[in-house]
């Protein structure tokens, strides 16, 4: 095969005139315009045919990069949950052990009120951060 193989392409008059006009406006030969279009189309087809492969590679790379951070956030969340449960248990245990029974309120009611106050507090913190 020669260094620059050739092919002949036939166009109708309207397409030929449009290509000729585009080539004139761009200061190129008609062959250059058609060659560029052909390369663009070939590149596009190559990309289109490989999009699934490329997407899979990107997903794998993102997962590999993000997974340690996701794992770390999950561990921090789990520790926070354990700390919260420990604090709630200690509070209830402290009330049960050290407050005289006639002065104790229902621990469950106190817990629910404290939880509602905590939620309101967190909502205020979030809204103040957004301002």
N, C-alpha and C. Protein backbone atom coordinates (compact mmCIF):
# COMPACT_ATOMS: atom_id res chain seq x y z
N UNK A 1 0.85 -1.18 0.00
CA UNK A 1 0.00 0.00 0.00
C UNK A 1 0.89 1.24 0.00
N UNK A 2 0.52 2.23 -0.78
CA UNK A 2 1.33 3.44 -0.88
C UNK A 2 1.22 4.26 0.40
N UNK A 3 2.10 5.25 0.52
CA UNK A 3 2.15 6.09 1.72
C UNK A 3 0.85 6.85 1.92
N UNK A 4 0.25 7.32 0.85
CA UNK A 4 -1.01 8.07 0.94
C UNK A 4 -2.01 7.48 -0.05
N UNK A 5 -2.71 6.43 0.35
CA UNK A 5 -3.68 5.83 -0.57
C UNK A 5 -4.83 6.79 -0.86
N UNK A 6 -5.43 6.61 -2.02
CA UNK A 6 -6.50 7.51 -2.45
C UNK A 6 -7.78 6.72 -2.64
N UNK A 7 -8.90 7.43 -2.48
CA UNK A 7 -10.20 6.88 -2.85
C UNK A 7 -10.96 7.98 -3.57
N UNK A 8 -11.82 7.58 -4.47
CA UNK A 8 -12.66 8.53 -5.19
C UNK A 8 -14.06 8.48 -4.60
N UNK A 9 -14.61 9.66 -4.38
CA UNK A 9 -15.95 9.77 -3.80
C UNK A 9 -16.78 10.64 -4.73
N UNK A 10 -18.02 10.26 -4.96
CA UNK A 10 -18.90 11.02 -5.83
C UNK A 10 -19.99 11.69 -4.98
N UNK A 11 -20.23 12.99 -5.24
CA UNK A 11 -21.26 13.75 -4.54
C UNK A 11 -22.25 14.29 -5.56
N UNK A 12 -23.47 14.54 -5.10
CA UNK A 12 -24.42 15.21 -5.99
C UNK A 12 -24.03 16.69 -6.06
N UNK A 13 -24.64 17.43 -6.98
CA UNK A 13 -24.26 18.84 -7.21
C UNK A 13 -24.42 19.69 -5.96
N UNK A 14 -25.51 19.50 -5.22
CA UNK A 14 -25.75 20.32 -4.03
C UNK A 14 -24.67 20.09 -2.98
N UNK A 15 -24.35 18.84 -2.67
CA UNK A 15 -23.31 18.53 -1.68
C UNK A 15 -21.96 19.05 -2.15
N UNK A 16 -21.66 18.84 -3.43
CA UNK A 16 -20.39 19.31 -3.99
C UNK A 16 -20.26 20.83 -3.80
N UNK A 17 -21.31 21.57 -4.14
CA UNK A 17 -21.26 23.03 -4.01
C UNK A 17 -21.13 23.48 -2.55
N UNK A 18 -21.79 22.76 -1.65
CA UNK A 18 -21.67 23.11 -0.23
C UNK A 18 -20.24 22.86 0.27
N UNK A 19 -19.66 21.76 -0.12
CA UNK A 19 -18.28 21.45 0.28
C UNK A 19 -17.33 22.50 -0.30
N UNK A 20 -17.55 22.84 -1.54
CA UNK A 20 -16.72 23.85 -2.21
C UNK A 20 -16.81 25.19 -1.48
N UNK A 21 -18.02 25.59 -1.07
CA UNK A 21 -18.22 26.85 -0.35
C UNK A 21 -17.53 26.81 1.02
N UNK A 22 -17.67 25.72 1.72
CA UNK A 22 -17.02 25.58 3.04
C UNK A 22 -15.50 25.65 2.88
N UNK A 23 -14.98 24.95 1.90
CA UNK A 23 -13.53 24.98 1.67
C UNK A 23 -13.07 26.40 1.37
N UNK A 24 -13.83 27.11 0.56
CA UNK A 24 -13.47 28.50 0.23
C UNK A 24 -13.47 29.37 1.49
N UNK A 25 -14.52 29.25 2.30
CA UNK A 25 -14.62 30.06 3.52
C UNK A 25 -13.50 29.75 4.50
N UNK A 26 -13.07 28.51 4.56
CA UNK A 26 -12.01 28.12 5.50
C UNK A 26 -10.62 28.25 4.89
N UNK A 27 -10.56 28.60 3.62
CA UNK A 27 -9.25 28.74 2.96
C UNK A 27 -8.53 27.42 2.81
N UNK A 28 -9.28 26.37 2.56
CA UNK A 28 -8.70 25.04 2.43
C UNK A 28 -9.14 24.44 1.10
N UNK A 29 -8.47 23.35 0.74
CA UNK A 29 -8.92 22.63 -0.46
C UNK A 29 -10.10 21.75 -0.05
N UNK A 30 -10.86 21.36 -1.06
CA UNK A 30 -11.99 20.47 -0.79
C UNK A 30 -11.51 19.15 -0.20
N UNK A 31 -10.37 18.69 -0.66
CA UNK A 31 -9.81 17.44 -0.13
C UNK A 31 -9.48 17.57 1.36
N UNK A 32 -8.93 18.72 1.75
CA UNK A 32 -8.61 18.93 3.17
C UNK A 32 -9.88 18.92 4.04
N UNK A 33 -10.92 19.58 3.54
CA UNK A 33 -12.18 19.64 4.29
C UNK A 33 -12.75 18.23 4.47
N UNK A 34 -12.80 17.48 3.38
CA UNK A 34 -13.37 16.13 3.46
C UNK A 34 -12.48 15.22 4.31
N UNK A 35 -11.16 15.38 4.21
CA UNK A 35 -10.23 14.59 5.02
C UNK A 35 -10.45 14.87 6.51
N UNK A 36 -10.59 16.17 6.85
CA UNK A 36 -10.83 16.53 8.26
C UNK A 36 -12.13 15.94 8.76
N UNK A 37 -13.19 16.04 7.96
CA UNK A 37 -14.48 15.47 8.36
C UNK A 37 -14.36 13.96 8.57
N UNK A 38 -13.62 13.32 7.67
CA UNK A 38 -13.46 11.87 7.77
C UNK A 38 -12.73 11.51 9.07
N UNK A 39 -11.64 12.23 9.37
CA UNK A 39 -10.90 11.96 10.61
C UNK A 39 -11.76 12.22 11.84
N UNK A 40 -12.53 13.31 11.81
CA UNK A 40 -13.41 13.62 12.95
C UNK A 40 -14.43 12.50 13.15
N UNK A 41 -14.99 12.03 12.06
CA UNK A 41 -15.98 10.96 12.16
C UNK A 41 -15.35 9.67 12.67
N UNK A 42 -14.15 9.36 12.15
CA UNK A 42 -13.46 8.15 12.61
C UNK A 42 -13.13 8.25 14.10
N UNK A 43 -12.66 9.42 14.55
CA UNK A 43 -12.38 9.62 15.97
C UNK A 43 -13.66 9.47 16.79
N UNK A 44 -14.74 10.04 16.29
CA UNK A 44 -16.02 9.94 16.98
C UNK A 44 -16.51 8.51 17.09
N UNK A 45 -16.37 7.76 16.02
CA UNK A 45 -16.79 6.36 16.04
C UNK A 45 -15.92 5.57 17.01
N UNK A 46 -14.63 5.86 17.01
CA UNK A 46 -13.73 5.18 17.94
C UNK A 46 -14.14 5.46 19.36
N UNK A 47 -14.44 6.72 19.65
CA UNK A 47 -14.87 7.09 20.99
C UNK A 47 -16.20 6.44 21.33
N UNK A 48 -17.14 6.50 20.40
CA UNK A 48 -18.47 5.92 20.62
C UNK A 48 -18.38 4.42 20.87
N UNK A 49 -17.54 3.74 20.11
CA UNK A 49 -17.40 2.30 20.25
C UNK A 49 -16.70 1.91 21.55
N UNK A 50 -15.93 2.81 22.11
CA UNK A 50 -15.17 2.49 23.32
C UNK A 50 -15.71 3.17 24.57
N UNK A 51 -16.86 3.84 24.47
CA UNK A 51 -17.38 4.59 25.61
C UNK A 51 -17.64 3.70 26.82
N UNK A 52 -18.15 2.50 26.59
CA UNK A 52 -18.40 1.59 27.72
C UNK A 52 -17.10 1.20 28.40
N UNK A 53 -16.08 0.94 27.61
CA UNK A 53 -14.78 0.58 28.16
C UNK A 53 -14.19 1.74 28.96
N UNK A 54 -14.27 2.94 28.39
CA UNK A 54 -13.73 4.13 29.06
C UNK A 54 -14.50 4.41 30.35
N UNK A 55 -15.83 4.31 30.29
CA UNK A 55 -16.65 4.54 31.49
C UNK A 55 -16.30 3.54 32.59
N UNK A 56 -16.11 2.30 32.21
CA UNK A 56 -15.75 1.28 33.21
C UNK A 56 -14.40 1.61 33.85
N UNK A 57 -13.45 2.04 33.03
CA UNK A 57 -12.15 2.41 33.58
C UNK A 57 -12.25 3.59 34.54
N UNK A 58 -13.04 4.59 34.15
CA UNK A 58 -13.22 5.77 35.00
C UNK A 58 -13.88 5.37 36.32
N UNK A 59 -14.93 4.55 36.25
CA UNK A 59 -15.61 4.10 37.47
C UNK A 59 -14.64 3.35 38.38
N UNK A 60 -13.83 2.47 37.81
CA UNK A 60 -12.86 1.71 38.62
C UNK A 60 -11.85 2.63 39.28
N UNK A 61 -11.35 3.60 38.53
CA UNK A 61 -10.37 4.53 39.08
C UNK A 61 -10.99 5.38 40.19
N UNK A 62 -12.21 5.87 39.96
CA UNK A 62 -12.88 6.65 40.99
C UNK A 62 -13.12 5.81 42.25
N UNK A 63 -13.56 4.58 42.06
CA UNK A 63 -13.80 3.70 43.20
C UNK A 63 -12.49 3.48 43.97
N UNK A 64 -11.41 3.22 43.26
CA UNK A 64 -10.12 2.99 43.91
C UNK A 64 -9.66 4.21 44.70
N UNK A 65 -9.90 5.39 44.14
CA UNK A 65 -9.47 6.63 44.80
C UNK A 65 -10.38 6.97 45.98
N UNK A 66 -11.69 6.80 45.78
CA UNK A 66 -12.64 7.22 46.81
C UNK A 66 -12.87 6.19 47.92
N UNK A 67 -12.64 4.91 47.65
CA UNK A 67 -12.97 3.87 48.62
C UNK A 67 -12.29 4.07 49.97
N UNK A 68 -11.01 4.41 50.04
CA UNK A 68 -10.41 4.64 51.37
C UNK A 68 -11.11 5.76 52.14
N UNK A 69 -11.55 6.79 51.44
CA UNK A 69 -12.24 7.90 52.10
C UNK A 69 -13.62 7.46 52.58
N UNK A 70 -14.31 6.67 51.76
CA UNK A 70 -15.62 6.15 52.14
C UNK A 70 -15.47 5.25 53.37
N UNK A 71 -14.47 4.39 53.35
CA UNK A 71 -14.23 3.50 54.49
C UNK A 71 -13.93 4.30 55.76
N UNK A 72 -13.12 5.34 55.61
CA UNK A 72 -12.76 6.18 56.77
C UNK A 72 -13.99 6.89 57.32
N UNK A 73 -14.83 7.45 56.44
CA UNK A 73 -16.06 8.11 56.89
C UNK A 73 -17.01 7.12 57.56
N UNK A 74 -17.08 5.91 57.05
CA UNK A 74 -17.94 4.89 57.67
C UNK A 74 -17.42 4.55 59.07
N UNK A 75 -16.11 4.44 59.21
CA UNK A 75 -15.53 4.14 60.51
C UNK A 75 -15.79 5.27 61.50
N UNK A 76 -15.64 6.51 61.03
CA UNK A 76 -15.90 7.67 61.89
C UNK A 76 -17.38 7.70 62.30
N UNK A 77 -18.27 7.42 61.36
CA UNK A 77 -19.70 7.39 61.67
C UNK A 77 -20.02 6.30 62.69
N UNK A 78 -19.41 5.13 62.51
CA UNK A 78 -19.64 4.04 63.46
C UNK A 78 -19.15 4.42 64.85
N UNK A 79 -17.99 5.05 64.92
CA UNK A 79 -17.46 5.49 66.22
C UNK A 79 -18.37 6.53 66.85
N UNK A 80 -18.89 7.43 66.02
CA UNK A 80 -19.83 8.43 66.53
C UNK A 80 -21.09 7.79 67.07
N UNK A 81 -21.58 6.78 66.39
CA UNK A 81 -22.76 6.06 66.87
C UNK A 81 -22.51 5.35 68.18
N UNK A 82 -21.35 4.73 68.30
CA UNK A 82 -20.99 4.06 69.56
C UNK A 82 -20.88 5.08 70.69
N UNK A 83 -20.25 6.21 70.41
CA UNK A 83 -20.11 7.26 71.43
C UNK A 83 -21.48 7.79 71.86
N UNK A 84 -22.37 7.99 70.88
CA UNK A 84 -23.72 8.48 71.21
C UNK A 84 -24.47 7.48 72.08
N UNK A 85 -24.40 6.23 71.68
CA UNK A 85 -25.09 5.19 72.46
C UNK A 85 -24.50 5.09 73.86
N UNK A 86 -23.19 5.19 73.96
CA UNK A 86 -22.54 5.15 75.27
C UNK A 86 -22.98 6.32 76.14
N UNK A 87 -23.02 7.51 75.55
CA UNK A 87 -23.45 8.69 76.30
C UNK A 87 -24.90 8.55 76.76
N UNK A 88 -25.76 8.06 75.88
CA UNK A 88 -27.17 7.89 76.26
C UNK A 88 -27.30 6.86 77.38
N UNK A 89 -26.57 5.76 77.27
CA UNK A 89 -26.62 4.74 78.31
C UNK A 89 -26.09 5.28 79.63
N UNK A 90 -24.95 5.97 79.60
CA UNK A 90 -24.39 6.53 80.83
C UNK A 90 -25.32 7.53 81.49
N UNK A 91 -25.99 8.33 80.68
CA UNK A 91 -26.94 9.30 81.23
C UNK A 91 -28.08 8.58 81.95
N UNK A 92 -28.64 7.59 81.27
CA UNK A 92 -29.73 6.83 81.88
C UNK A 92 -29.25 6.10 83.13
N UNK A 93 -28.08 5.52 83.06
CA UNK A 93 -27.52 4.80 84.21
C UNK A 93 -27.24 5.74 85.38
N UNK A 94 -26.73 6.92 85.06
CA UNK A 94 -26.45 7.91 86.10
C UNK A 94 -27.74 8.34 86.79
N UNK A 95 -28.77 8.59 86.02
CA UNK A 95 -30.06 8.97 86.60
C UNK A 95 -30.57 7.84 87.50
N UNK A 96 -30.50 6.61 86.99
CA UNK A 96 -31.01 5.47 87.76
C UNK A 96 -30.23 5.25 89.05
N UNK A 97 -28.92 5.46 89.05
CA UNK A 97 -28.09 5.16 90.22
C UNK A 97 -28.01 6.30 91.23
N UNK A 98 -27.97 7.54 90.73
CA UNK A 98 -27.63 8.63 91.63
C UNK A 98 -28.77 9.59 91.96
N UNK A 99 -29.85 9.53 91.23
CA UNK A 99 -30.98 10.41 91.53
C UNK A 99 -32.00 9.59 92.34
N UNK A 100 -32.41 10.12 93.45
CA UNK A 100 -33.40 9.37 94.25
C UNK A 100 -34.65 9.07 93.43
N UNK A 101 -35.21 7.89 93.61
CA UNK A 101 -36.35 7.47 92.80
C UNK A 101 -37.51 8.46 92.80
N UNK A 102 -37.79 9.11 93.91
CA UNK A 102 -38.91 10.03 93.95
C UNK A 102 -38.63 11.31 93.16
N UNK A 103 -37.36 11.59 92.80
CA UNK A 103 -37.01 12.77 92.03
C UNK A 103 -36.76 12.46 90.54
N UNK A 104 -36.73 11.18 90.22
CA UNK A 104 -36.46 10.79 88.83
C UNK A 104 -37.70 11.00 87.96
N UNK A 105 -37.48 11.58 86.82
CA UNK A 105 -38.54 11.63 85.81
C UNK A 105 -38.39 10.38 84.97
N UNK A 106 -39.35 10.16 84.16
CA UNK A 106 -39.29 9.02 83.26
C UNK A 106 -38.07 9.19 82.34
N UNK A 107 -37.13 8.27 82.41
CA UNK A 107 -35.89 8.37 81.64
C UNK A 107 -36.18 8.42 80.14
N UNK A 108 -37.15 7.67 79.70
CA UNK A 108 -37.47 7.66 78.27
C UNK A 108 -37.96 9.04 77.82
N UNK A 109 -38.80 9.68 78.63
CA UNK A 109 -39.29 11.01 78.28
C UNK A 109 -38.15 12.02 78.25
N UNK A 110 -37.25 11.96 79.20
CA UNK A 110 -36.10 12.87 79.22
C UNK A 110 -35.23 12.63 77.99
N UNK A 111 -35.04 11.36 77.65
CA UNK A 111 -34.23 11.02 76.47
C UNK A 111 -34.86 11.60 75.20
N UNK A 112 -36.17 11.43 75.04
CA UNK A 112 -36.85 11.94 73.84
C UNK A 112 -36.76 13.46 73.75
N UNK A 113 -36.93 14.15 74.88
CA UNK A 113 -36.80 15.61 74.88
C UNK A 113 -35.38 16.04 74.52
N UNK A 114 -34.40 15.35 75.08
CA UNK A 114 -33.01 15.68 74.77
C UNK A 114 -32.70 15.44 73.29
N UNK A 115 -33.26 14.38 72.74
CA UNK A 115 -33.04 14.08 71.32
C UNK A 115 -33.64 15.17 70.43
N UNK A 116 -34.86 15.61 70.76
CA UNK A 116 -35.50 16.68 69.99
C UNK A 116 -34.68 17.96 70.07
N UNK A 117 -34.17 18.27 71.24
CA UNK A 117 -33.34 19.48 71.39
C UNK A 117 -32.05 19.35 70.58
N UNK A 118 -31.49 18.15 70.57
CA UNK A 118 -30.25 17.94 69.80
C UNK A 118 -30.50 18.12 68.31
N UNK A 119 -31.62 17.63 67.82
CA UNK A 119 -31.96 17.78 66.40
C UNK A 119 -32.13 19.26 66.07
N UNK A 120 -32.86 20.00 66.91
CA UNK A 120 -33.02 21.44 66.68
C UNK A 120 -31.67 22.15 66.70
N UNK A 121 -30.82 21.76 67.62
CA UNK A 121 -29.49 22.37 67.71
C UNK A 121 -28.69 22.12 66.43
N UNK A 122 -28.71 20.88 65.93
CA UNK A 122 -27.97 20.56 64.70
C UNK A 122 -28.54 21.30 63.51
N UNK A 123 -29.85 21.46 63.46
CA UNK A 123 -30.46 22.21 62.36
C UNK A 123 -30.05 23.67 62.40
N UNK A 124 -29.94 24.23 63.59
CA UNK A 124 -29.49 25.61 63.71
C UNK A 124 -28.05 25.75 63.26
N UNK A 125 -27.21 24.82 63.63
CA UNK A 125 -25.81 24.85 63.22
C UNK A 125 -25.70 24.77 61.71
N UNK A 126 -26.46 23.87 61.09
CA UNK A 126 -26.41 23.73 59.64
C UNK A 126 -26.88 24.98 58.94
N UNK A 127 -27.96 25.57 59.42
CA UNK A 127 -28.48 26.77 58.75
C UNK A 127 -27.54 27.94 58.95
N UNK A 128 -26.87 28.03 60.10
CA UNK A 128 -25.93 29.14 60.30
C UNK A 128 -24.69 28.97 59.43
N UNK A 129 -24.32 27.73 59.10
CA UNK A 129 -23.18 27.49 58.22
C UNK A 129 -23.51 27.88 56.80
N UNK A 130 -24.78 27.71 56.41
CA UNK A 130 -25.19 28.03 55.03
C UNK A 130 -25.28 29.53 54.81
N UNK A 131 -25.50 30.32 55.86
CA UNK A 131 -25.65 31.76 55.71
C UNK A 131 -24.37 32.46 55.39
